[in-house]
Amino acid sequence: MTATASETLTGRQLFARIWKYSLRRVLFPICVLAPFAYFFPRLAIFYALCGAYDACRNRPVNAETLRRYFIGNGWGTWMLSPINILLDLLSLPYMNKGVYRLADLPPAYQDEVTRVIRAANDADLVRQLEERSKQNQRTMFFFRWYGANTNTSPNVPAFHQPWKYVQTIGVSIFNRRISTSKHFGYLRASLRVLYNLNDMKDDSAYIVVGDTTSYWRDNKLFIFDDTLLHLSANDTEQPRYCLFVDIVRPTLFPHLMAGVLTVVRYLTQSFKFIYYKNWKIID
């Protein structure tokens, strides 16, 4: 995920951007995809079919979406597409809606989401985090990471209670006029729950997932499958504080799905700074 802000690119920055696009759009297809298809044709066909299904879940399905998925920042999601399709099957009969309302979740899930939001509001997190985040474009505080509590200041004991479905609890803070580029999440073992903690004054703070745009001024709660192409924007003159929660995806096999997320925790515990390389991480 990259941050965007109004700025004039220097010569070095412009060169870096041109190189980055050349690497993704020219060198990656020629030097990686073409040899892979030549030497492993059956596996290449398998991945092409999985990727086609996965990419076509996005709306709209156009050249830009396909380019981003196959040779842009979605290639990691493409590599994991066979696993994600298996997770889709394990989630049946709960269909993936892409974008969810709270009422779409099973009652036990609704209860945990409501409780974690209540705990965040009771902790007055905006006031507590304001001073520590105001110097950064984007800041992320983690209180829980894929099922494991973290010792974060401020301490919110309610975040550390036993949860059955809540896996990750954090607060995402965008400073004034900061946005992400369009990007894909990687794994569909969880759903992303966002709840805006402060009141936004206009419609310049929003999230876009496919063809759905949700404005934080109107709807503070937004739940979605983050492997879909999405972006978050705060084009206002005030910071945006958003509760950031991952929950186990609804399934008849919640322990199995939670087990997948436990593996993710062990694989990513020391590398959060890579995935969130454009954030100031505090945990």
C-alpha atoms as a PDB file:
ATOM      1  CA  MET A   1       0.000   0.000   0.000  1.00  0.00           C
ATOM      2  CA  THR A   2       1.439   3.369  -0.962  1.00  0.00           C
ATOM      3  CA  ALA A   3       0.502   6.793   0.301  1.00  0.00           C
ATOM      4  CA  THR A   4      -0.240   9.641  -2.049  1.00  0.00           C
ATOM      5  CA  ALA A   5      -0.097  13.340  -1.326  1.00  0.00           C
ATOM      6  CA  SER A   6       0.230  16.512  -3.366  1.00  0.00           C
ATOM      7  CA  GLU A   7       3.932  16.834  -4.248  1.00  0.00           C
ATOM      8  CA  THR A   8       6.302  17.564  -7.131  1.00  0.00           C
ATOM      9  CA  LEU A   9       8.533  14.646  -8.044  1.00  0.00           C
ATOM     10  CA  THR A  10      12.288  15.198  -8.061  1.00  0.00           C
ATOM     11  CA  GLY A  11      14.451  13.758 -10.825  1.00  0.00           C
ATOM     12  CA  ARG A  12      15.416  10.773  -8.680  1.00  0.00           C
ATOM     13  CA  GLN A  13      11.803  10.141  -7.663  1.00  0.00           C
ATOM     14  CA  LEU A  14      10.678  10.346 -11.282  1.00  0.00           C
ATOM     15  CA  PHE A  15      13.386   7.869 -12.334  1.00  0.00           C
ATOM     16  CA  ALA A  16      12.392   5.507  -9.513  1.00  0.00           C
ATOM     17  CA  ARG A  17       8.752   5.660 -10.573  1.00  0.00           C
ATOM     18  CA  ILE A  18       9.596   4.998 -14.243  1.00  0.00           C
ATOM     19  CA  TRP A  19      11.816   2.060 -13.234  1.00  0.00           C
ATOM     20  CA  LYS A  20       9.113   0.646 -10.992  1.00  0.00           C
ATOM     21  CA  TYR A  21       6.516   0.737 -13.761  1.00  0.00           C
ATOM     22  CA  SER A  22       8.971  -0.698 -16.302  1.00  0.00           C
ATOM     23  CA  LEU A  23       9.790  -3.542 -13.926  1.00  0.00           C
ATOM     24  CA  ARG A  24       6.133  -4.427 -13.407  1.00  0.00           C
ATOM     25  CA  ARG A  25       4.788  -3.927 -16.903  1.00  0.00           C
ATOM     26  CA  VAL A  26       7.704  -5.069 -19.076  1.00  0.00           C
ATOM     27  CA  LEU A  27      10.416  -6.995 -17.234  1.00  0.00           C
ATOM     28  CA  PHE A  28       8.124  -9.030 -14.965  1.00  0.00           C
ATOM     29  CA  PRO A  29       5.983 -10.436 -17.829  1.00  0.00           C
ATOM     30  CA  ILE A  30       9.008 -11.088 -20.072  1.00  0.00           C
ATOM     31  CA  CYS A  31      11.513 -12.364 -17.514  1.00  0.00           C
ATOM     32  CA  VAL A  32       9.183 -14.168 -15.093  1.00  0.00           C
ATOM     33  CA  LEU A  33       5.755 -14.984 -16.513  1.00  0.00           C
ATOM     34  CA  ALA A  34       6.853 -16.043 -20.002  1.00  0.00           C
ATOM     35  CA  PRO A  35       9.607 -18.468 -18.826  1.00  0.00           C
ATOM     36  CA  PHE A  36       7.282 -19.862 -16.162  1.00  0.00           C
ATOM     37  CA  ALA A  37       4.593 -20.574 -18.781  1.00  0.00           C
ATOM     38  CA  TYR A  38       7.186 -22.159 -21.086  1.00  0.00           C
ATOM     39  CA  PHE A  39       8.764 -24.510 -18.540  1.00  0.00           C
ATOM     40  CA  PHE A  40       5.644 -25.268 -16.466  1.00  0.00           C
ATOM     41  CA  PRO A  41       2.706 -25.023 -18.902  1.00  0.00           C
ATOM     42  CA  ARG A  42       0.198 -27.038 -16.853  1.00  0.00           C
ATOM     43  CA  LEU A  43       0.908 -25.121 -13.672  1.00  0.00           C
ATOM     44  CA  ALA A  44       0.741 -21.878 -15.647  1.00  0.00           C
ATOM     45  CA  ILE A  45      -2.701 -22.803 -17.006  1.00  0.00           C
ATOM     46  CA  PHE A  46      -3.842 -23.691 -13.477  1.00  0.00           C
ATOM     47  CA  TYR A  47      -2.689 -20.319 -12.150  1.00  0.00           C
ATOM     48  CA  ALA A  48      -4.189 -18.506 -15.127  1.00  0.00           C
ATOM     49  CA  LEU A  49      -7.603 -20.062 -14.425  1.00  0.00           C
ATOM     50  CA  CYS A  50      -7.413 -19.366 -10.682  1.00  0.00           C
ATOM     51  CA  GLY A  51      -6.286 -15.811 -11.348  1.00  0.00           C
ATOM     52  CA  ALA A  52      -9.024 -15.219 -13.923  1.00  0.00           C
ATOM     53  CA  TYR A  53     -11.682 -16.292 -11.420  1.00  0.00           C
ATOM     54  CA  ASP A  54     -10.123 -14.233  -8.647  1.00  0.00           C
ATOM     55  CA  ALA A  55      -9.610 -11.088 -10.716  1.00  0.00           C
ATOM     56  CA  CYS A  56     -13.145 -11.207 -12.106  1.00  0.00           C
ATOM     57  CA  ARG A  57     -14.576 -10.944  -8.589  1.00  0.00           C
ATOM     58  CA  ASN A  58     -13.650  -7.268  -8.751  1.00  0.00           C
ATOM     59  CA  ARG A  59     -15.918  -4.578 -10.111  1.00  0.00           C
ATOM     60  CA  PRO A  60     -15.529  -3.185 -12.634  1.00  0.00           C
ATOM     61  CA  VAL A  61     -13.598  -5.821 -14.547  1.00  0.00           C
ATOM     62  CA  ASN A  62     -11.611  -3.689 -16.956  1.00  0.00           C
ATOM     63  CA  ALA A  63      -8.087  -3.406 -18.339  1.00  0.00           C
ATOM     64  CA  GLU A  64      -6.856  -1.400 -15.356  1.00  0.00           C
ATOM     65  CA  THR A  65      -8.146  -3.964 -12.840  1.00  0.00           C
ATOM     66  CA  LEU A  66      -6.607  -6.877 -14.749  1.00  0.00           C
ATOM     67  CA  ARG A  67      -3.290  -5.057 -15.161  1.00  0.00           C
ATOM     68  CA  ARG A  68      -3.118  -4.245 -11.452  1.00  0.00           C
ATOM     69  CA  TYR A  69      -3.987  -7.816 -10.527  1.00  0.00           C
ATOM     70  CA  PHE A  70      -1.666  -9.750 -12.831  1.00  0.00           C
ATOM     71  CA  ILE A  71       1.361  -7.455 -13.262  1.00  0.00           C
ATOM     72  CA  GLY A  72       0.790  -4.756 -10.645  1.00  0.00           C
ATOM     73  CA  ASN A  73       0.492  -4.802  -6.878  1.00  0.00           C
ATOM     74  CA  GLY A  74      -1.992  -7.680  -7.047  1.00  0.00           C
ATOM     75  CA  TRP A  75       0.507 -10.327  -8.140  1.00  0.00           C
ATOM     76  CA  GLY A  76       0.891 -11.560  -4.541  1.00  0.00           C
ATOM     77  CA  THR A  77      -2.875 -12.051  -4.366  1.00  0.00           C
ATOM     78  CA  TRP A  78      -2.671 -13.914  -7.667  1.00  0.00           C
ATOM     79  CA  MET A  79       0.017 -16.243  -6.273  1.00  0.00           C
ATOM     80  CA  LEU A  80      -2.276 -17.016  -3.327  1.00  0.00           C
ATOM     81  CA  SER A  81      -5.412 -17.390  -5.476  1.00  0.00           C
ATOM     82  CA  PRO A  82      -5.534 -21.233  -5.247  1.00  0.00           C
ATOM     83  CA  ILE A  83      -5.474 -20.983  -1.446  1.00  0.00           C
ATOM     84  CA  ASN A  84      -8.097 -18.237  -1.496  1.00  0.00           C
ATOM     85  CA  ILE A  85     -10.386 -20.310  -3.704  1.00  0.00           C
ATOM     86  CA  LEU A  86     -10.024 -23.207  -1.253  1.00  0.00           C
ATOM     87  CA  LEU A  87     -10.950 -20.812   1.579  1.00  0.00           C
ATOM     88  CA  ASP A  88     -14.013 -19.768  -0.446  1.00  0.00           C
ATOM     89  CA  LEU A  89     -15.097 -23.412  -0.598  1.00  0.00           C
ATOM     90  CA  LEU A  90     -14.464 -23.934   3.123  1.00  0.00           C
ATOM     91  CA  SER A  91     -16.659 -20.895   3.850  1.00  0.00           C
ATOM     92  CA  LEU A  92     -19.750 -22.349   2.199  1.00  0.00           C
ATOM     93  CA  PRO A  93     -22.678 -21.994   2.693  1.00  0.00           C
ATOM     94  CA  TYR A  94     -21.642 -18.428   3.659  1.00  0.00           C
ATOM     95  CA  MET A  95     -21.266 -16.677   0.324  1.00  0.00           C
ATOM     96  CA  ASN A  96     -18.646 -13.976  -0.058  1.00  0.00           C
ATOM     97  CA  LYS A  97     -20.604 -10.737  -0.431  1.00  0.00           C
ATOM     98  CA  GLY A  98     -17.530  -8.588  -1.008  1.00  0.00           C
ATOM     99  CA  VAL A  99     -19.031  -5.683   0.945  1.00  0.00           C
ATOM    100  CA  TYR A 100     -21.052  -6.537   4.058  1.00  0.00           C
ATOM    101  CA  ARG A 101     -23.539  -4.968   6.412  1.00  0.00           C
ATOM    102  CA  LEU A 102     -23.288  -5.880  10.080  1.00  0.00           C
ATOM    103  CA  ALA A 103     -26.591  -7.763   9.723  1.00  0.00           C
ATOM    104  CA  ASP A 104     -24.993 -10.013   7.075  1.00  0.00           C
ATOM    105  CA  LEU A 105     -22.761 -11.595   9.725  1.00  0.00           C
ATOM    106  CA  PRO A 106     -23.871 -14.438  12.023  1.00  0.00           C
ATOM    107  CA  PRO A 107     -25.198 -13.199  15.411  1.00  0.00           C
ATOM    108  CA  ALA A 108     -22.081 -14.241  17.357  1.00  0.00           C
ATOM    109  CA  TYR A 109     -19.916 -12.257  14.943  1.00  0.00           C
ATOM    110  CA  GLN A 110     -22.192  -9.237  15.243  1.00  0.00           C
ATOM    111  CA  ASP A 111     -21.851  -9.388  19.010  1.00  0.00           C
ATOM    112  CA  GLU A 112     -18.047  -9.361  18.934  1.00  0.00           C
ATOM    113  CA  VAL A 113     -17.911  -6.532  16.382  1.00  0.00           C
ATOM    114  CA  THR A 114     -20.305  -4.474  18.503  1.00  0.00           C
ATOM    115  CA  ARG A 115     -18.264  -5.144  21.650  1.00  0.00           C
ATOM    116  CA  VAL A 116     -14.931  -4.184  20.111  1.00  0.00           C
ATOM    117  CA  ILE A 117     -16.428  -0.947  18.756  1.00  0.00           C
ATOM    118  CA  ARG A 118     -17.890  -0.155  22.170  1.00  0.00           C
ATOM    119  CA  ALA A 119     -14.506  -0.792  23.788  1.00  0.00           C
ATOM    120  CA  ALA A 120     -12.806   1.563  21.328  1.00  0.00           C
ATOM    121  CA  ASN A 121     -15.320   4.337  21.959  1.00  0.00           C
ATOM    122  CA  ASP A 122     -15.098   3.890  25.736  1.00  0.00           C
ATOM    123  CA  ALA A 123     -11.283   4.151  25.585  1.00  0.00           C
ATOM    124  CA  ASP A 124     -11.428   7.624  23.976  1.00  0.00           C
ATOM    125  CA  LEU A 125      -8.674   6.578  21.574  1.00  0.00           C
ATOM    126  CA  VAL A 126      -8.735   9.709  19.426  1.00  0.00           C
ATOM    127  CA  ARG A 127      -7.649  11.874  22.350  1.00  0.00           C
ATOM    128  CA  GLN A 128      -5.059   9.348  23.508  1.00  0.00           C
ATOM    129  CA  LEU A 129      -3.457   8.805  20.102  1.00  0.00           C
ATOM    130  CA  GLU A 130      -3.592  12.327  18.698  1.00  0.00           C
ATOM    131  CA  GLU A 131      -0.271  13.587  20.070  1.00  0.00           C
ATOM    132  CA  ARG A 132       1.678  10.458  19.084  1.00  0.00           C
ATOM    133  CA  SER A 133       0.443  10.408  15.498  1.00  0.00           C
ATOM    134  CA  LYS A 134       0.301  14.033  14.390  1.00  0.00           C
ATOM    135  CA  GLN A 135       3.835  14.099  12.932  1.00  0.00           C
ATOM    136  CA  ASN A 136       3.254  11.108  10.632  1.00  0.00           C
ATOM    137  CA  GLN A 137       1.370  10.917   7.360  1.00  0.00           C
ATOM    138  CA  ARG A 138      -0.039   7.521   8.326  1.00  0.00           C
ATOM    139  CA  THR A 139       0.178   5.762  11.672  1.00  0.00           C
ATOM    140  CA  MET A 140      -0.968   2.298  12.702  1.00  0.00           C
ATOM    141  CA  PHE A 141      -1.350   1.232  16.345  1.00  0.00           C
ATOM    142  CA  PHE A 142      -1.778  -2.520  16.913  1.00  0.00           C
ATOM    143  CA  PHE A 143      -3.360  -3.865  20.096  1.00  0.00           C
ATOM    144  CA  ARG A 144      -3.837  -7.411  18.789  1.00  0.00           C
ATOM    145  CA  TRP A 145      -2.167  -9.135  15.833  1.00  0.00           C
ATOM    146  CA  TYR A 146      -3.850 -12.223  14.356  1.00  0.00           C
ATOM    147  CA  GLY A 147      -4.984 -13.640  17.676  1.00  0.00           C
ATOM    148  CA  ALA A 148      -2.063 -12.495  19.860  1.00  0.00           C
ATOM    149  CA  ASN A 149      -2.302  -9.466  22.160  1.00  0.00           C
ATOM    150  CA  THR A 150       0.414  -6.807  21.933  1.00  0.00           C
ATOM    151  CA  ASN A 151       1.671  -4.511  24.689  1.00  0.00           C
ATOM    152  CA  THR A 152       0.678  -1.193  23.194  1.00  0.00           C
ATOM    153  CA  SER A 153       0.330   2.166  24.891  1.00  0.00           C
ATOM    154  CA  PRO A 154      -2.329   3.214  25.610  1.00  0.00           C
ATOM    155  CA  ASN A 155      -3.377  -0.016  27.278  1.00  0.00           C
ATOM    156  CA  VAL A 156      -6.985  -0.966  26.516  1.00  0.00           C
ATOM    157  CA  PRO A 157      -7.815  -4.017  28.692  1.00  0.00           C
ATOM    158  CA  ALA A 158     -11.107  -4.579  26.858  1.00  0.00           C
ATOM    159  CA  PHE A 159      -9.137  -5.280  23.665  1.00  0.00           C
ATOM    160  CA  HIS A 160      -7.287  -8.119  25.431  1.00  0.00           C
ATOM    161  CA  GLN A 161     -10.329 -10.105  26.511  1.00  0.00           C
ATOM    162  CA  PRO A 162     -10.827 -13.554  24.965  1.00  0.00           C
ATOM    163  CA  TRP A 163     -12.200 -13.250  21.433  1.00  0.00           C
ATOM    164  CA  LYS A 164     -13.476 -16.100  19.322  1.00  0.00           C
ATOM    165  CA  TYR A 165     -13.668 -14.268  16.005  1.00  0.00           C
ATOM    166  CA  VAL A 166     -11.776 -10.972  16.411  1.00  0.00           C
ATOM    167  CA  GLN A 167      -8.198 -11.579  15.300  1.00  0.00           C
ATOM    168  CA  THR A 168      -6.570  -8.185  14.782  1.00  0.00           C
ATOM    169  CA  ILE A 169      -7.332  -4.890  16.526  1.00  0.00           C
ATOM    170  CA  GLY A 170      -5.625  -1.667  15.537  1.00  0.00           C
ATOM    171  CA  VAL A 171      -6.219   1.992  14.843  1.00  0.00           C
ATOM    172  CA  SER A 172      -5.379   3.412  11.427  1.00  0.00           C
ATOM    173  CA  ILE A 173      -4.705   7.157  11.375  1.00  0.00           C
ATOM    174  CA  PHE A 174      -4.534   9.200   8.181  1.00  0.00           C
ATOM    175  CA  ASN A 175      -3.243  12.727   8.565  1.00  0.00           C
ATOM    176  CA  ARG A 176      -4.647  15.574   6.487  1.00  0.00           C
ATOM    177  CA  ARG A 177      -4.894  14.976   2.730  1.00  0.00           C
ATOM    178  CA  ILE A 178      -3.414  11.482   2.693  1.00  0.00           C
ATOM    179  CA  SER A 179      -4.681   8.586   0.595  1.00  0.00           C
ATOM    180  CA  THR A 180      -3.596   5.103  -0.421  1.00  0.00           C
ATOM    181  CA  SER A 181      -3.218   3.908  -3.959  1.00  0.00           C
ATOM    182  CA  LYS A 182      -5.514   1.150  -5.168  1.00  0.00           C
ATOM    183  CA  HIS A 183      -4.335  -2.174  -3.761  1.00  0.00           C
ATOM    184  CA  PHE A 184      -5.331  -5.758  -2.954  1.00  0.00           C
ATOM    185  CA  GLY A 185      -5.113  -7.643   0.320  1.00  0.00           C
ATOM    186  CA  TYR A 186      -3.634 -11.119   0.201  1.00  0.00           C
ATOM    187  CA  LEU A 187      -5.656 -13.763   2.038  1.00  0.00           C
ATOM    188  CA  ARG A 188      -9.402 -14.439   2.375  1.00  0.00           C
ATOM    189  CA  ALA A 189      -9.344 -16.159   5.760  1.00  0.00           C
ATOM    190  CA  SER A 190     -10.645 -12.962   7.372  1.00  0.00           C
ATOM    191  CA  LEU A 191     -12.893  -9.983   6.759  1.00  0.00           C
ATOM    192  CA  ARG A 192     -11.803  -6.401   7.374  1.00  0.00           C
ATOM    193  CA  VAL A 193     -13.960  -4.335   9.737  1.00  0.00           C
ATOM    194  CA  LEU A 194     -13.381  -0.575   9.793  1.00  0.00           C
ATOM    195  CA  TYR A 195     -15.089   1.864  12.132  1.00  0.00           C
ATOM    196  CA  ASN A 196     -14.346   5.581  11.973  1.00  0.00           C
ATOM    197  CA  LEU A 197     -13.765   6.877  15.497  1.00  0.00           C
ATOM    198  CA  ASN A 198     -13.952  10.618  14.878  1.00  0.00           C
ATOM    199  CA  ASP A 199     -16.660  12.645  13.148  1.00  0.00           C
ATOM    200  CA  MET A 200     -15.733  13.707   9.610  1.00  0.00           C
ATOM    201  CA  LYS A 201     -17.090  17.028   8.405  1.00  0.00           C
ATOM    202  CA  ASP A 202     -17.544  16.333   4.692  1.00  0.00           C
ATOM    203  CA  ASP A 203     -17.489  13.617   2.033  1.00  0.00           C
ATOM    204  CA  SER A 204     -13.766  13.948   1.274  1.00  0.00           C
ATOM    205  CA  ALA A 205     -12.923  11.041   3.591  1.00  0.00           C
ATOM    206  CA  TYR A 206     -14.064   7.726   2.159  1.00  0.00           C
ATOM    207  CA  ILE A 207     -13.195   4.169   1.152  1.00  0.00           C
ATOM    208  CA  VAL A 208     -13.692   2.650  -2.297  1.00  0.00           C
ATOM    209  CA  VAL A 209     -14.065  -1.110  -2.807  1.00  0.00           C
ATOM    210  CA  GLY A 210     -14.823  -2.034  -6.401  1.00  0.00           C
ATOM    211  CA  ASP A 211     -17.842  -0.001  -7.455  1.00  0.00           C
ATOM    212  CA  THR A 212     -18.847   0.788  -3.844  1.00  0.00           C
ATOM    213  CA  THR A 213     -17.872   4.088  -2.221  1.00  0.00           C
ATOM    214  CA  SER A 214     -18.602   4.619   1.468  1.00  0.00           C
ATOM    215  CA  TYR A 215     -18.216   8.045   3.094  1.00  0.00           C
ATOM    216  CA  TRP A 216     -17.123   8.117   6.725  1.00  0.00           C
ATOM    217  CA  ARG A 217     -19.321  11.113   7.484  1.00  0.00           C
ATOM    218  CA  ASP A 218     -22.427   9.094   6.616  1.00  0.00           C
ATOM    219  CA  ASN A 219     -21.467   5.538   7.597  1.00  0.00           C
ATOM    220  CA  LYS A 220     -18.890   4.954  10.301  1.00  0.00           C
ATOM    221  CA  LEU A 221     -18.910   1.152   9.931  1.00  0.00           C
ATOM    222  CA  PHE A 222     -17.631  -0.619   6.821  1.00  0.00           C
ATOM    223  CA  ILE A 223     -17.004  -4.369   6.441  1.00  0.00           C
ATOM    224  CA  PHE A 224     -15.435  -5.904   3.352  1.00  0.00           C
ATOM    225  CA  ASP A 225     -13.260  -8.584   1.786  1.00  0.00           C
ATOM    226  CA  ASP A 226      -9.931  -6.805   1.526  1.00  0.00           C
ATOM    227  CA  THR A 227      -8.604  -9.050  -1.267  1.00  0.00           C
ATOM    228  CA  LEU A 228     -10.802  -6.926  -3.544  1.00  0.00           C
ATOM    229  CA  LEU A 229      -9.219  -3.856  -5.129  1.00  0.00           C
ATOM    230  CA  HIS A 230      -9.694  -0.922  -2.771  1.00  0.00           C
ATOM    231  CA  LEU A 231      -8.362   2.420  -1.626  1.00  0.00           C
ATOM    232  CA  SER A 232      -8.819   4.712   1.364  1.00  0.00           C
ATOM    233  CA  ALA A 233      -8.747   8.491   1.085  1.00  0.00           C
ATOM    234  CA  ASN A 234      -8.713  11.397   3.487  1.00  0.00           C
ATOM    235  CA  ASP A 235      -8.780  14.582   1.424  1.00  0.00           C
ATOM    236  CA  THR A 236     -10.020  16.664   4.353  1.00  0.00           C
ATOM    237  CA  GLU A 237      -8.163  19.143   6.560  1.00  0.00           C
ATOM    238  CA  GLN A 238      -8.596  16.934   9.632  1.00  0.00           C
ATOM    239  CA  PRO A 239      -7.026  13.594  10.627  1.00  0.00           C
ATOM    240  CA  ARG A 240      -9.071  10.425  10.215  1.00  0.00           C
ATOM    241  CA  TYR A 241      -9.006   7.816  13.021  1.00  0.00           C
ATOM    242  CA  CYS A 242     -10.312   4.402  12.034  1.00  0.00           C
ATOM    243  CA  LEU A 243     -10.647   1.283  14.171  1.00  0.00           C
ATOM    244  CA  PHE A 244      -9.005  -1.490  12.159  1.00  0.00           C
ATOM    245  CA  VAL A 245     -10.231  -5.035  12.883  1.00  0.00           C
ATOM    246  CA  ASP A 246      -9.843  -8.407  11.196  1.00  0.00           C
ATOM    247  CA  ILE A 247     -12.387 -11.100  12.033  1.00  0.00           C
ATOM    248  CA  VAL A 248     -12.419 -14.784  11.141  1.00  0.00           C
ATOM    249  CA  ARG A 249     -14.403 -15.240   7.971  1.00  0.00           C
ATOM    250  CA  PRO A 250     -17.836 -16.822   8.601  1.00  0.00           C
ATOM    251  CA  THR A 251     -17.561 -20.569   8.051  1.00  0.00           C
ATOM    252  CA  LEU A 252     -18.725 -23.909   9.405  1.00  0.00           C
ATOM    253  CA  PHE A 253     -15.059 -24.497  10.321  1.00  0.00           C
ATOM    254  CA  PRO A 254     -14.053 -21.426  12.384  1.00  0.00           C
ATOM    255  CA  HIS A 255     -11.195 -23.239  14.146  1.00  0.00           C
ATOM    256  CA  LEU A 256      -9.682 -24.226  10.810  1.00  0.00           C
ATOM    257  CA  MET A 257      -9.972 -20.667   9.493  1.00  0.00           C
ATOM    258  CA  ALA A 258      -8.484 -19.302  12.724  1.00  0.00           C
ATOM    259  CA  GLY A 259      -5.664 -21.817  12.317  1.00  0.00           C
ATOM    260  CA  VAL A 260      -4.847 -20.331   8.916  1.00  0.00           C
ATOM    261  CA  LEU A 261      -4.647 -16.903  10.551  1.00  0.00           C
ATOM    262  CA  THR A 262      -2.376 -18.280  13.265  1.00  0.00           C
ATOM    263  CA  VAL A 263       0.020 -19.390  10.545  1.00  0.00           C
ATOM    264  CA  VAL A 264      -0.185 -15.887   9.074  1.00  0.00           C
ATOM    265  CA  ARG A 265       0.688 -14.441  12.481  1.00  0.00           C
ATOM    266  CA  TYR A 266       3.832 -16.526  12.801  1.00  0.00           C
ATOM    267  CA  LEU A 267       4.887 -15.726   9.245  1.00  0.00           C
ATOM    268  CA  THR A 268       4.321 -11.975   9.534  1.00  0.00           C
ATOM    269  CA  GLN A 269       5.017 -11.117  13.185  1.00  0.00           C
ATOM    270  CA  SER A 270       8.496  -9.778  12.445  1.00  0.00           C
ATOM    271  CA  PHE A 271       7.648  -8.373   9.025  1.00  0.00           C
ATOM    272  CA  LYS A 272       4.682  -6.065   9.600  1.00  0.00           C
ATOM    273  CA  PHE A 273       6.991  -3.186   8.688  1.00  0.00           C
ATOM    274  CA  ILE A 274       7.328  -4.601   5.154  1.00  0.00           C
ATOM    275  CA  TYR A 275       3.604  -4.925   4.428  1.00  0.00           C
ATOM    276  CA  TYR A 276       2.923  -1.570   6.106  1.00  0.00           C
ATOM    277  CA  LYS A 277       6.110   0.016   4.793  1.00  0.00           C
ATOM    278  CA  ASN A 278       4.419   3.372   4.229  1.00  0.00           C
ATOM    279  CA  TRP A 279       3.081   3.525   7.791  1.00  0.00           C
ATOM    280  CA  LYS A 280       4.573   4.395  11.146  1.00  0.00           C
ATOM    281  CA  ILE A 281       3.871   1.148  13.042  1.00  0.00           C
ATOM    282  CA  ILE A 282       3.379   1.238  16.814  1.00  0.00           C
ATOM    283  CA  ASP A 283       2.673  -2.013  18.643  1.00  0.00           C
END
